[in-house]
């Protein structure tokens, strides 16, 4: 089968489409014929040699497709089912992939729509759980208009949380559509937030990593009520928790998101698609950082649902 791989570190030009052995589902896993696979920032960081150092490497931790092999002990899926989820092997950008954690795709939703959801969803859900956000509280999300920030906004709103999100003025209407109250980031943030939340902010989540941790701590009154996903150095300096997956993942969220989508409480992100063979171009577009929404590689030009 065809898969994305690189054998040396560098720019997008090192990416290749190669023939590799088709994987098989192990216990508790399913194999899918991949219809769509998400592309994330971690992919180009790996390609550039900023993460794992072994070579060669395959890419892709999230995908959607049709089950064509079921591992021992699996009772929640069968051959022919439409599913999406996580490929812990990191080889989802391929014609076939093994999913270790998976969930059914809602009938009204396409493969492309959900292929790039798992990573952002899990990251957002994990951070909210680490914060201990509860219904009736006020949560401030710094960097709320990106993929993870947008997911966090919607998951929190669905829990009955009041969300204030920071973003540039061009993204304020987008945040309002997700259910958040929008404020501009930058100088004067503390005063702007206090103006719309005079009773205070209970917790804060830093998604952007823009050096805003001191302001977030000031607004909530305690470093213990702040989590950052992007500012490791700042977390150490200001006593804020840095969220990482090795402390436990919120994988349950992919089982729950279908109900939120179908009830209209979760809006799917915009998606830009590329053929698997055009993975290098997807990396170039992603690294430019000018695209809202998700980048998805597709194997089938027609997103069939049967």
C-alpha atoms as a PDB file:
ATOM      1  CA  UNK A   1       0.000   0.000   0.000  1.00  0.00           C
ATOM      2  CA  UNK A   2       1.014   3.648  -0.386  1.00  0.00           C
ATOM      3  CA  UNK A   3       2.034   5.710   2.658  1.00  0.00           C
ATOM      4  CA  UNK A   4       3.712   9.015   3.486  1.00  0.00           C
ATOM      5  CA  UNK A   5       7.282   8.639   4.728  1.00  0.00           C
ATOM      6  CA  UNK A   6      10.532  10.570   5.015  1.00  0.00           C
ATOM      7  CA  UNK A   7      14.053   9.159   5.306  1.00  0.00           C
ATOM      8  CA  UNK A   8      15.878  12.389   6.111  1.00  0.00           C
ATOM      9  CA  UNK A   9      14.983  15.542   7.971  1.00  0.00           C
ATOM     10  CA  UNK A  10      14.302  18.748   6.111  1.00  0.00           C
ATOM     11  CA  UNK A  11      11.618  20.715   4.315  1.00  0.00           C
ATOM     12  CA  UNK A  12       8.478  19.399   2.631  1.00  0.00           C
ATOM     13  CA  UNK A  13      10.587  18.132  -0.247  1.00  0.00           C
ATOM     14  CA  UNK A  14      11.821  15.188   1.868  1.00  0.00           C
ATOM     15  CA  UNK A  15       8.327  13.680   1.979  1.00  0.00           C
ATOM     16  CA  UNK A  16       7.769  10.648  -0.214  1.00  0.00           C
ATOM     17  CA  UNK A  17       4.889   8.379  -1.159  1.00  0.00           C
ATOM     18  CA  UNK A  18       6.282   4.857  -0.761  1.00  0.00           C
ATOM     19  CA  UNK A  19       5.062   1.279  -0.839  1.00  0.00           C
ATOM     20  CA  UNK A  20       4.913  -0.355   2.601  1.00  0.00           C
ATOM     21  CA  UNK A  21       3.364  -3.518   4.001  1.00  0.00           C
ATOM     22  CA  UNK A  22      -0.321  -3.262   4.858  1.00  0.00           C
ATOM     23  CA  UNK A  23      -0.762  -3.337   8.662  1.00  0.00           C
ATOM     24  CA  UNK A  24      -3.069  -5.664  10.578  1.00  0.00           C
ATOM     25  CA  UNK A  25      -5.389  -4.923  13.478  1.00  0.00           C
ATOM     26  CA  UNK A  26      -4.254  -6.166  16.864  1.00  0.00           C
ATOM     27  CA  UNK A  27      -6.392  -6.909  19.904  1.00  0.00           C
ATOM     28  CA  UNK A  28      -8.874  -4.121  20.514  1.00  0.00           C
ATOM     29  CA  UNK A  29      -8.033  -2.415  17.208  1.00  0.00           C
ATOM     30  CA  UNK A  30      -9.584  -2.030  13.771  1.00  0.00           C
ATOM     31  CA  UNK A  31      -7.968  -1.513  10.402  1.00  0.00           C
ATOM     32  CA  UNK A  32      -9.560   0.960   8.029  1.00  0.00           C
ATOM     33  CA  UNK A  33      -9.333   1.725   4.365  1.00  0.00           C
ATOM     34  CA  UNK A  34      -8.353   5.349   4.886  1.00  0.00           C
ATOM     35  CA  UNK A  35     -10.581   7.862   3.151  1.00  0.00           C
ATOM     36  CA  UNK A  36      -9.144  10.923   4.906  1.00  0.00           C
ATOM     37  CA  UNK A  37      -6.283  11.659   7.313  1.00  0.00           C
ATOM     38  CA  UNK A  38      -5.517  14.796   9.305  1.00  0.00           C
ATOM     39  CA  UNK A  39      -2.322  16.849   8.950  1.00  0.00           C
ATOM     40  CA  UNK A  40      -1.060  18.620  12.079  1.00  0.00           C
ATOM     41  CA  UNK A  41       1.765  20.869  13.194  1.00  0.00           C
ATOM     42  CA  UNK A  42       3.417  17.869  14.823  1.00  0.00           C
ATOM     43  CA  UNK A  43       3.860  16.392  11.341  1.00  0.00           C
ATOM     44  CA  UNK A  44       6.090  19.166  10.062  1.00  0.00           C
ATOM     45  CA  UNK A  45       7.908  19.347  13.382  1.00  0.00           C
ATOM     46  CA  UNK A  46       8.705  15.631  13.085  1.00  0.00           C
ATOM     47  CA  UNK A  47       9.742  16.098   9.463  1.00  0.00           C
ATOM     48  CA  UNK A  48      12.083  18.921  10.470  1.00  0.00           C
ATOM     49  CA  UNK A  49      13.759  16.762  13.137  1.00  0.00           C
ATOM     50  CA  UNK A  50      12.348  18.690  16.081  1.00  0.00           C
ATOM     51  CA  UNK A  51      10.754  15.654  17.710  1.00  0.00           C
ATOM     52  CA  UNK A  52      11.554  11.984  17.160  1.00  0.00           C
ATOM     53  CA  UNK A  53      15.047  11.339  15.854  1.00  0.00           C
ATOM     54  CA  UNK A  54      14.711   7.875  14.327  1.00  0.00           C
ATOM     55  CA  UNK A  55      14.606   7.436  10.542  1.00  0.00           C
ATOM     56  CA  UNK A  56      12.705   6.649   8.422  1.00  0.00           C
ATOM     57  CA  UNK A  57       9.387   7.883   9.808  1.00  0.00           C
ATOM     58  CA  UNK A  58       5.774   7.618   8.724  1.00  0.00           C
ATOM     59  CA  UNK A  59       3.214  10.296   9.560  1.00  0.00           C
ATOM     60  CA  UNK A  60      -0.353  10.650  10.754  1.00  0.00           C
ATOM     61  CA  UNK A  61      -2.142  10.070  14.072  1.00  0.00           C
ATOM     62  CA  UNK A  62      -5.766  10.630  13.057  1.00  0.00           C
ATOM     63  CA  UNK A  63      -7.883   9.293  10.234  1.00  0.00           C
ATOM     64  CA  UNK A  64     -11.342   8.290   9.066  1.00  0.00           C
ATOM     65  CA  UNK A  65     -12.384   5.442   6.825  1.00  0.00           C
ATOM     66  CA  UNK A  66     -14.174   2.126   6.420  1.00  0.00           C
ATOM     67  CA  UNK A  67     -13.364  -0.830   8.661  1.00  0.00           C
ATOM     68  CA  UNK A  68     -11.938  -3.760   6.679  1.00  0.00           C
ATOM     69  CA  UNK A  69     -10.378  -5.796   9.498  1.00  0.00           C
ATOM     70  CA  UNK A  70     -11.404  -6.201  13.136  1.00  0.00           C
ATOM     71  CA  UNK A  71      -8.983  -7.213  15.885  1.00  0.00           C
ATOM     72  CA  UNK A  72      -9.617  -9.699  18.666  1.00  0.00           C
ATOM     73  CA  UNK A  73     -12.000  -8.491  21.344  1.00  0.00           C
ATOM     74  CA  UNK A  74     -13.593  -5.682  19.325  1.00  0.00           C
ATOM     75  CA  UNK A  75     -17.363  -5.610  19.767  1.00  0.00           C
ATOM     76  CA  UNK A  76     -18.122  -1.982  18.897  1.00  0.00           C
ATOM     77  CA  UNK A  77     -17.289  -2.120  15.180  1.00  0.00           C
ATOM     78  CA  UNK A  78     -17.545  -4.518  12.276  1.00  0.00           C
ATOM     79  CA  UNK A  79     -16.304  -4.688   8.702  1.00  0.00           C
ATOM     80  CA  UNK A  80     -18.001  -2.000   6.618  1.00  0.00           C
ATOM     81  CA  UNK A  81     -18.512   0.497   9.451  1.00  0.00           C
ATOM     82  CA  UNK A  82     -17.548   4.146   9.002  1.00  0.00           C
ATOM     83  CA  UNK A  83     -15.242   5.133  11.876  1.00  0.00           C
ATOM     84  CA  UNK A  84     -12.651   7.737  12.837  1.00  0.00           C
ATOM     85  CA  UNK A  85     -10.023   7.885  15.534  1.00  0.00           C
ATOM     86  CA  UNK A  86      -6.389   7.657  16.571  1.00  0.00           C
ATOM     87  CA  UNK A  87      -3.630   5.670  14.908  1.00  0.00           C
ATOM     88  CA  UNK A  88      -1.076   5.351  17.697  1.00  0.00           C
ATOM     89  CA  UNK A  89       1.444   3.893  15.239  1.00  0.00           C
ATOM     90  CA  UNK A  90       1.764   7.324  13.619  1.00  0.00           C
ATOM     91  CA  UNK A  91       1.093   5.925  10.154  1.00  0.00           C
ATOM     92  CA  UNK A  92      -2.412   7.134   9.314  1.00  0.00           C
ATOM     93  CA  UNK A  93      -1.397   9.090   6.206  1.00  0.00           C
ATOM     94  CA  UNK A  94      -1.649   6.008   4.050  1.00  0.00           C
ATOM     95  CA  UNK A  95      -4.107   3.835   2.155  1.00  0.00           C
ATOM     96  CA  UNK A  96      -4.717   1.671   5.234  1.00  0.00           C
ATOM     97  CA  UNK A  97      -4.286   2.404   8.926  1.00  0.00           C
ATOM     98  CA  UNK A  98      -4.854   0.688  12.248  1.00  0.00           C
ATOM     99  CA  UNK A  99      -6.932   2.652  14.751  1.00  0.00           C
ATOM    100  CA  UNK A 100      -6.352   1.921  18.430  1.00  0.00           C
ATOM    101  CA  UNK A 101      -9.135   4.269  19.607  1.00  0.00           C
ATOM    102  CA  UNK A 102     -12.139   4.793  17.362  1.00  0.00           C
ATOM    103  CA  UNK A 103     -15.784   5.803  17.213  1.00  0.00           C
ATOM    104  CA  UNK A 104     -18.572   5.685  14.641  1.00  0.00           C
ATOM    105  CA  UNK A 105     -18.938   8.605  12.265  1.00  0.00           C
ATOM    106  CA  UNK A 106     -22.361  10.289  12.558  1.00  0.00           C
ATOM    107  CA  UNK A 107     -24.507   9.503   9.544  1.00  0.00           C
ATOM    108  CA  UNK A 108     -24.768  13.155   8.504  1.00  0.00           C
ATOM    109  CA  UNK A 109     -21.005  13.731   8.607  1.00  0.00           C
ATOM    110  CA  UNK A 110     -18.360  13.001   5.971  1.00  0.00           C
ATOM    111  CA  UNK A 111     -15.004  11.260   6.326  1.00  0.00           C
ATOM    112  CA  UNK A 112     -13.250  14.556   5.604  1.00  0.00           C
ATOM    113  CA  UNK A 113     -15.214  16.398   8.295  1.00  0.00           C
ATOM    114  CA  UNK A 114     -14.065  14.125  11.117  1.00  0.00           C
ATOM    115  CA  UNK A 115     -10.625  12.961   9.956  1.00  0.00           C
ATOM    116  CA  UNK A 116      -8.866  15.889  11.575  1.00  0.00           C
ATOM    117  CA  UNK A 117     -10.970  16.105  14.744  1.00  0.00           C
ATOM    118  CA  UNK A 118      -9.348  13.609  17.150  1.00  0.00           C
ATOM    119  CA  UNK A 119      -6.098  15.400  18.023  1.00  0.00           C
ATOM    120  CA  UNK A 120      -7.633  18.842  18.568  1.00  0.00           C
ATOM    121  CA  UNK A 121     -10.588  17.365  20.443  1.00  0.00           C
ATOM    122  CA  UNK A 122      -8.454  15.280  22.780  1.00  0.00           C
ATOM    123  CA  UNK A 123      -6.094  18.172  23.486  1.00  0.00           C
ATOM    124  CA  UNK A 124      -8.971  20.520  24.290  1.00  0.00           C
ATOM    125  CA  UNK A 125     -10.890  17.999  26.408  1.00  0.00           C
ATOM    126  CA  UNK A 126      -7.759  17.017  28.350  1.00  0.00           C
ATOM    127  CA  UNK A 127      -6.962  20.641  29.183  1.00  0.00           C
ATOM    128  CA  UNK A 128     -10.523  21.339  30.348  1.00  0.00           C
ATOM    129  CA  UNK A 129     -10.446  18.259  32.575  1.00  0.00           C
ATOM    130  CA  UNK A 130      -7.089  19.254  34.036  1.00  0.00           C
ATOM    131  CA  UNK A 131      -8.532  22.671  34.806  1.00  0.00           C
ATOM    132  CA  UNK A 132     -11.559  21.085  36.470  1.00  0.00           C
ATOM    133  CA  UNK A 133     -13.986  23.354  34.630  1.00  0.00           C
ATOM    134  CA  UNK A 134     -17.550  23.101  35.930  1.00  0.00           C
ATOM    135  CA  UNK A 135     -20.952  24.260  34.763  1.00  0.00           C
ATOM    136  CA  UNK A 136     -21.781  27.809  35.813  1.00  0.00           C
ATOM    137  CA  UNK A 137     -18.145  28.940  35.898  1.00  0.00           C
ATOM    138  CA  UNK A 138     -16.453  31.545  33.719  1.00  0.00           C
ATOM    139  CA  UNK A 139     -13.514  30.342  31.637  1.00  0.00           C
ATOM    140  CA  UNK A 140     -11.073  32.546  29.745  1.00  0.00           C
ATOM    141  CA  UNK A 141      -9.407  30.951  26.711  1.00  0.00           C
ATOM    142  CA  UNK A 142      -6.398  32.752  25.275  1.00  0.00           C
ATOM    143  CA  UNK A 143      -6.053  31.939  21.593  1.00  0.00           C
ATOM    144  CA  UNK A 144      -9.622  30.713  21.184  1.00  0.00           C
ATOM    145  CA  UNK A 145     -10.032  30.943  17.413  1.00  0.00           C
ATOM    146  CA  UNK A 146      -7.646  28.150  16.355  1.00  0.00           C
ATOM    147  CA  UNK A 147      -8.472  24.472  15.994  1.00  0.00           C
ATOM    148  CA  UNK A 148      -7.773  23.511  19.608  1.00  0.00           C
ATOM    149  CA  UNK A 149      -9.134  26.776  20.982  1.00  0.00           C
ATOM    150  CA  UNK A 150     -12.339  26.452  18.978  1.00  0.00           C
ATOM    151  CA  UNK A 151     -12.814  22.891  20.190  1.00  0.00           C
ATOM    152  CA  UNK A 152     -12.241  23.975  23.796  1.00  0.00           C
ATOM    153  CA  UNK A 153     -14.768  26.801  23.439  1.00  0.00           C
ATOM    154  CA  UNK A 154     -17.482  24.471  22.191  1.00  0.00           C
ATOM    155  CA  UNK A 155     -16.810  21.650  24.643  1.00  0.00           C
ATOM    156  CA  UNK A 156     -16.903  24.115  27.530  1.00  0.00           C
ATOM    157  CA  UNK A 157     -20.074  25.844  26.318  1.00  0.00           C
ATOM    158  CA  UNK A 158     -21.726  22.442  25.964  1.00  0.00           C
ATOM    159  CA  UNK A 159     -20.928  21.863  29.657  1.00  0.00           C
ATOM    160  CA  UNK A 160     -22.740  25.042  30.658  1.00  0.00           C
ATOM    161  CA  UNK A 161     -19.606  27.162  31.071  1.00  0.00           C
ATOM    162  CA  UNK A 162     -19.456  30.847  30.236  1.00  0.00           C
ATOM    163  CA  UNK A 163     -16.512  31.270  27.859  1.00  0.00           C
ATOM    164  CA  UNK A 164     -14.558  34.434  27.125  1.00  0.00           C
ATOM    165  CA  UNK A 165     -12.163  33.964  24.223  1.00  0.00           C
ATOM    166  CA  UNK A 166      -9.286  36.117  23.042  1.00  0.00           C
ATOM    167  CA  UNK A 167      -8.609  36.615  19.348  1.00  0.00           C
ATOM    168  CA  UNK A 168      -7.874  39.286  16.789  1.00  0.00           C
ATOM    169  CA  UNK A 169     -10.847  41.472  15.779  1.00  0.00           C
ATOM    170  CA  UNK A 170     -11.244  39.584  12.483  1.00  0.00           C
ATOM    171  CA  UNK A 171     -12.084  36.415  14.447  1.00  0.00           C
ATOM    172  CA  UNK A 172     -14.506  37.885  16.965  1.00  0.00           C
ATOM    173  CA  UNK A 173     -17.638  37.041  14.994  1.00  0.00           C
ATOM    174  CA  UNK A 174     -16.361  33.484  14.541  1.00  0.00           C
ATOM    175  CA  UNK A 175     -15.933  33.112  18.309  1.00  0.00           C
ATOM    176  CA  UNK A 176     -19.399  34.464  18.951  1.00  0.00           C
ATOM    177  CA  UNK A 177     -20.805  31.898  16.549  1.00  0.00           C
ATOM    178  CA  UNK A 178     -19.142  29.186  18.658  1.00  0.00           C
ATOM    179  CA  UNK A 179     -20.783  30.519  21.805  1.00  0.00           C
ATOM    180  CA  UNK A 180     -17.959  32.585  23.314  1.00  0.00           C
ATOM    181  CA  UNK A 181     -17.730  36.248  24.243  1.00  0.00           C
ATOM    182  CA  UNK A 182     -14.836  37.739  22.292  1.00  0.00           C
ATOM    183  CA  UNK A 183     -12.142  40.132  23.481  1.00  0.00           C
ATOM    184  CA  UNK A 184      -8.991  41.307  21.738  1.00  0.00           C
ATOM    185  CA  UNK A 185      -5.636  40.063  22.946  1.00  0.00           C
ATOM    186  CA  UNK A 186      -2.687  42.350  23.650  1.00  0.00           C
ATOM    187  CA  UNK A 187      -2.057  45.267  25.965  1.00  0.00           C
ATOM    188  CA  UNK A 188      -5.049  46.051  28.170  1.00  0.00           C
ATOM    189  CA  UNK A 189      -6.360  42.481  28.180  1.00  0.00           C
ATOM    190  CA  UNK A 190      -6.913  42.397  31.942  1.00  0.00           C
ATOM    191  CA  UNK A 191      -9.017  45.542  31.858  1.00  0.00           C
ATOM    192  CA  UNK A 192     -11.075  44.364  28.864  1.00  0.00           C
ATOM    193  CA  UNK A 193     -11.867  41.041  30.499  1.00  0.00           C
ATOM    194  CA  UNK A 194     -12.785  42.652  33.799  1.00  0.00           C
ATOM    195  CA  UNK A 195     -15.103  45.043  31.971  1.00  0.00           C
ATOM    196  CA  UNK A 196     -17.249  42.167  30.677  1.00  0.00           C
ATOM    197  CA  UNK A 197     -16.746  39.873  33.677  1.00  0.00           C
ATOM    198  CA  UNK A 198     -16.826  42.150  36.745  1.00  0.00           C
ATOM    199  CA  UNK A 199     -17.485  39.164  39.006  1.00  0.00           C
ATOM    200  CA  UNK A 200     -14.210  37.607  37.933  1.00  0.00           C
ATOM    201  CA  UNK A 201     -12.898  34.662  35.936  1.00  0.00           C
ATOM    202  CA  UNK A 202     -12.753  31.218  37.539  1.00  0.00           C
ATOM    203  CA  UNK A 203     -10.209  29.489  35.300  1.00  0.00           C
ATOM    204  CA  UNK A 204      -8.052  30.211  32.265  1.00  0.00           C
ATOM    205  CA  UNK A 205      -6.625  28.166  29.417  1.00  0.00           C
ATOM    206  CA  UNK A 206      -3.671  29.355  27.344  1.00  0.00           C
ATOM    207  CA  UNK A 207      -3.750  27.829  23.865  1.00  0.00           C
ATOM    208  CA  UNK A 208      -1.671  30.419  22.003  1.00  0.00           C
ATOM    209  CA  UNK A 209       1.478  30.535  24.130  1.00  0.00           C
ATOM    210  CA  UNK A 210       1.844  34.264  23.526  1.00  0.00           C
ATOM    211  CA  UNK A 211       3.395  35.211  26.867  1.00  0.00           C
ATOM    212  CA  UNK A 212       0.049  35.993  28.473  1.00  0.00           C
ATOM    213  CA  UNK A 213       0.361  33.758  31.557  1.00  0.00           C
ATOM    214  CA  UNK A 214       0.982  36.608  34.052  1.00  0.00           C
ATOM    215  CA  UNK A 215      -2.251  38.283  32.937  1.00  0.00           C
ATOM    216  CA  UNK A 216      -4.193  35.033  33.156  1.00  0.00           C
ATOM    217  CA  UNK A 217      -2.918  34.370  36.682  1.00  0.00           C
ATOM    218  CA  UNK A 218      -3.835  37.915  37.662  1.00  0.00           C
ATOM    219  CA  UNK A 219      -7.363  37.502  36.307  1.00  0.00           C
ATOM    220  CA  UNK A 220      -8.120  34.194  38.034  1.00  0.00           C
ATOM    221  CA  UNK A 221      -6.129  34.960  41.181  1.00  0.00           C
ATOM    222  CA  UNK A 222      -4.126  31.727  41.297  1.00  0.00           C
ATOM    223  CA  UNK A 223      -1.639  29.878  39.090  1.00  0.00           C
ATOM    224  CA  UNK A 224      -3.398  26.645  40.069  1.00  0.00           C
ATOM    225  CA  UNK A 225      -6.441  27.718  38.052  1.00  0.00           C
ATOM    226  CA  UNK A 226      -4.474  28.186  34.826  1.00  0.00           C
ATOM    227  CA  UNK A 227      -3.352  25.574  32.288  1.00  0.00           C
ATOM    228  CA  UNK A 228      -1.188  26.209  29.227  1.00  0.00           C
ATOM    229  CA  UNK A 229      -0.894  24.068  26.150  1.00  0.00           C
ATOM    230  CA  UNK A 230       1.848  26.091  24.506  1.00  0.00           C
ATOM    231  CA  UNK A 231       4.153  27.896  26.949  1.00  0.00           C
ATOM    232  CA  UNK A 232       6.420  25.391  28.678  1.00  0.00           C
ATOM    233  CA  UNK A 233       8.967  27.977  29.904  1.00  0.00           C
ATOM    234  CA  UNK A 234       6.235  30.307  31.142  1.00  0.00           C
ATOM    235  CA  UNK A 235       4.549  27.456  32.987  1.00  0.00           C
ATOM    236  CA  UNK A 236       7.736  26.784  34.927  1.00  0.00           C
ATOM    237  CA  UNK A 237       8.311  30.455  35.631  1.00  0.00           C
ATOM    238  CA  UNK A 238       4.806  31.254  36.868  1.00  0.00           C
ATOM    239  CA  UNK A 239       3.842  27.939  38.474  1.00  0.00           C
ATOM    240  CA  UNK A 240       1.212  27.106  35.864  1.00  0.00           C
ATOM    241  CA  UNK A 241       0.403  23.551  34.805  1.00  0.00           C
ATOM    242  CA  UNK A 242       1.647  22.593  31.342  1.00  0.00           C
ATOM    243  CA  UNK A 243      -0.737  20.127  29.725  1.00  0.00           C
ATOM    244  CA  UNK A 244       0.776  17.119  28.030  1.00  0.00           C
ATOM    245  CA  UNK A 245      -0.583  13.778  26.970  1.00  0.00           C
ATOM    246  CA  UNK A 246       1.695  11.630  29.079  1.00  0.00           C
ATOM    247  CA  UNK A 247      -0.359  12.560  32.117  1.00  0.00           C
ATOM    248  CA  UNK A 248      -3.429  10.753  30.754  1.00  0.00           C
ATOM    249  CA  UNK A 249      -5.468  11.374  27.628  1.00  0.00           C
ATOM    250  CA  UNK A 250      -9.124  12.319  27.231  1.00  0.00           C
ATOM    251  CA  UNK A 251      -9.767   9.703  24.544  1.00  0.00           C
ATOM    252  CA  UNK A 252     -13.415   9.367  25.581  1.00  0.00           C
ATOM    253  CA  UNK A 253     -14.174  12.614  23.769  1.00  0.00           C
ATOM    254  CA  UNK A 254     -14.257  10.941  20.353  1.00  0.00           C
ATOM    255  CA  UNK A 255     -17.082   8.708  21.593  1.00  0.00           C
ATOM    256  CA  UNK A 256     -19.021  11.721  22.810  1.00  0.00           C
ATOM    257  CA  UNK A 257     -18.532  14.192  19.969  1.00  0.00           C
ATOM    258  CA  UNK A 258     -21.012  12.560  17.595  1.00  0.00           C
ATOM    259  CA  UNK A 259     -23.918  13.419  19.856  1.00  0.00           C
ATOM    260  CA  UNK A 260     -22.778  17.037  20.140  1.00  0.00           C
ATOM    261  CA  UNK A 261     -22.410  17.328  16.370  1.00  0.00           C
ATOM    262  CA  UNK A 262     -25.826  15.869  15.622  1.00  0.00           C
ATOM    263  CA  UNK A 263     -27.502  18.034  18.271  1.00  0.00           C
ATOM    264  CA  UNK A 264     -25.956  21.164  16.777  1.00  0.00           C
ATOM    265  CA  UNK A 265     -23.820  21.905  19.822  1.00  0.00           C
ATOM    266  CA  UNK A 266     -20.515  21.379  18.026  1.00  0.00           C
ATOM    267  CA  UNK A 267     -19.672  23.050  14.728  1.00  0.00           C
ATOM    268  CA  UNK A 268     -17.148  21.211  12.586  1.00  0.00           C
ATOM    269  CA  UNK A 269     -14.053  23.195  11.568  1.00  0.00           C
ATOM    270  CA  UNK A 270     -13.401  24.318   8.030  1.00  0.00           C
ATOM    271  CA  UNK A 271     -11.334  21.823   6.055  1.00  0.00           C
ATOM    272  CA  UNK A 272      -8.916  22.180   3.155  1.00  0.00           C
ATOM    273  CA  UNK A 273      -8.187  18.938   1.336  1.00  0.00           C
ATOM    274  CA  UNK A 274      -5.195  17.608  -0.567  1.00  0.00           C
ATOM    275  CA  UNK A 275      -4.612  14.339  -2.366  1.00  0.00           C
ATOM    276  CA  UNK A 276      -2.284  11.976  -0.504  1.00  0.00           C
ATOM    277  CA  UNK A 277       0.317  12.526  -3.226  1.00  0.00           C
ATOM    278  CA  UNK A 278       0.222  16.279  -2.495  1.00  0.00           C
ATOM    279  CA  UNK A 279       1.244  15.929   1.157  1.00  0.00           C
ATOM    280  CA  UNK A 280       4.266  18.223   0.639  1.00  0.00           C
ATOM    281  CA  UNK A 281       1.972  21.039  -0.454  1.00  0.00           C
ATOM    282  CA  UNK A 282      -0.230  20.462   2.587  1.00  0.00           C
ATOM    283  CA  UNK A 283       2.860  20.904   4.777  1.00  0.00           C
ATOM    284  CA  UNK A 284       3.788  24.129   2.984  1.00  0.00           C
ATOM    285  CA  UNK A 285       0.308  25.553   3.467  1.00  0.00           C
ATOM    286  CA  UNK A 286       0.213  24.493   7.116  1.00  0.00           C
ATOM    287  CA  UNK A 287       3.589  25.972   7.949  1.00  0.00           C
ATOM    288  CA  UNK A 288       2.559  29.306   6.453  1.00  0.00           C
ATOM    289  CA  UNK A 289      -0.091  29.462   9.170  1.00  0.00           C
ATOM    290  CA  UNK A 290      -2.639  31.370   7.105  1.00  0.00           C
ATOM    291  CA  UNK A 291      -5.395  28.778   6.899  1.00  0.00           C
ATOM    292  CA  UNK A 292      -8.263  28.607   9.373  1.00  0.00           C
ATOM    293  CA  UNK A 293      -9.460  25.114  10.042  1.00  0.00           C
ATOM    294  CA  UNK A 294      -7.878  21.767   9.307  1.00  0.00           C
ATOM    295  CA  UNK A 295      -5.744  20.254   6.572  1.00  0.00           C
ATOM    296  CA  UNK A 296      -6.814  16.813   5.393  1.00  0.00           C
ATOM    297  CA  UNK A 297      -5.309  14.301   2.972  1.00  0.00           C
ATOM    298  CA  UNK A 298      -7.817  12.287   0.962  1.00  0.00           C
ATOM    299  CA  UNK A 299      -7.440   8.959  -0.791  1.00  0.00           C
ATOM    300  CA  UNK A 300     -10.803   9.004  -2.528  1.00  0.00           C
ATOM    301  CA  UNK A 301     -11.905  12.102  -4.496  1.00  0.00           C
ATOM    302  CA  UNK A 302     -15.536  11.164  -3.758  1.00  0.00           C
ATOM    303  CA  UNK A 303     -16.369  11.129  -0.058  1.00  0.00           C
ATOM    304  CA  UNK A 304     -18.725   8.159  -0.176  1.00  0.00           C
ATOM    305  CA  UNK A 305     -20.805   7.242   2.872  1.00  0.00           C
ATOM    306  CA  UNK A 306     -21.520   3.596   2.143  1.00  0.00           C
END
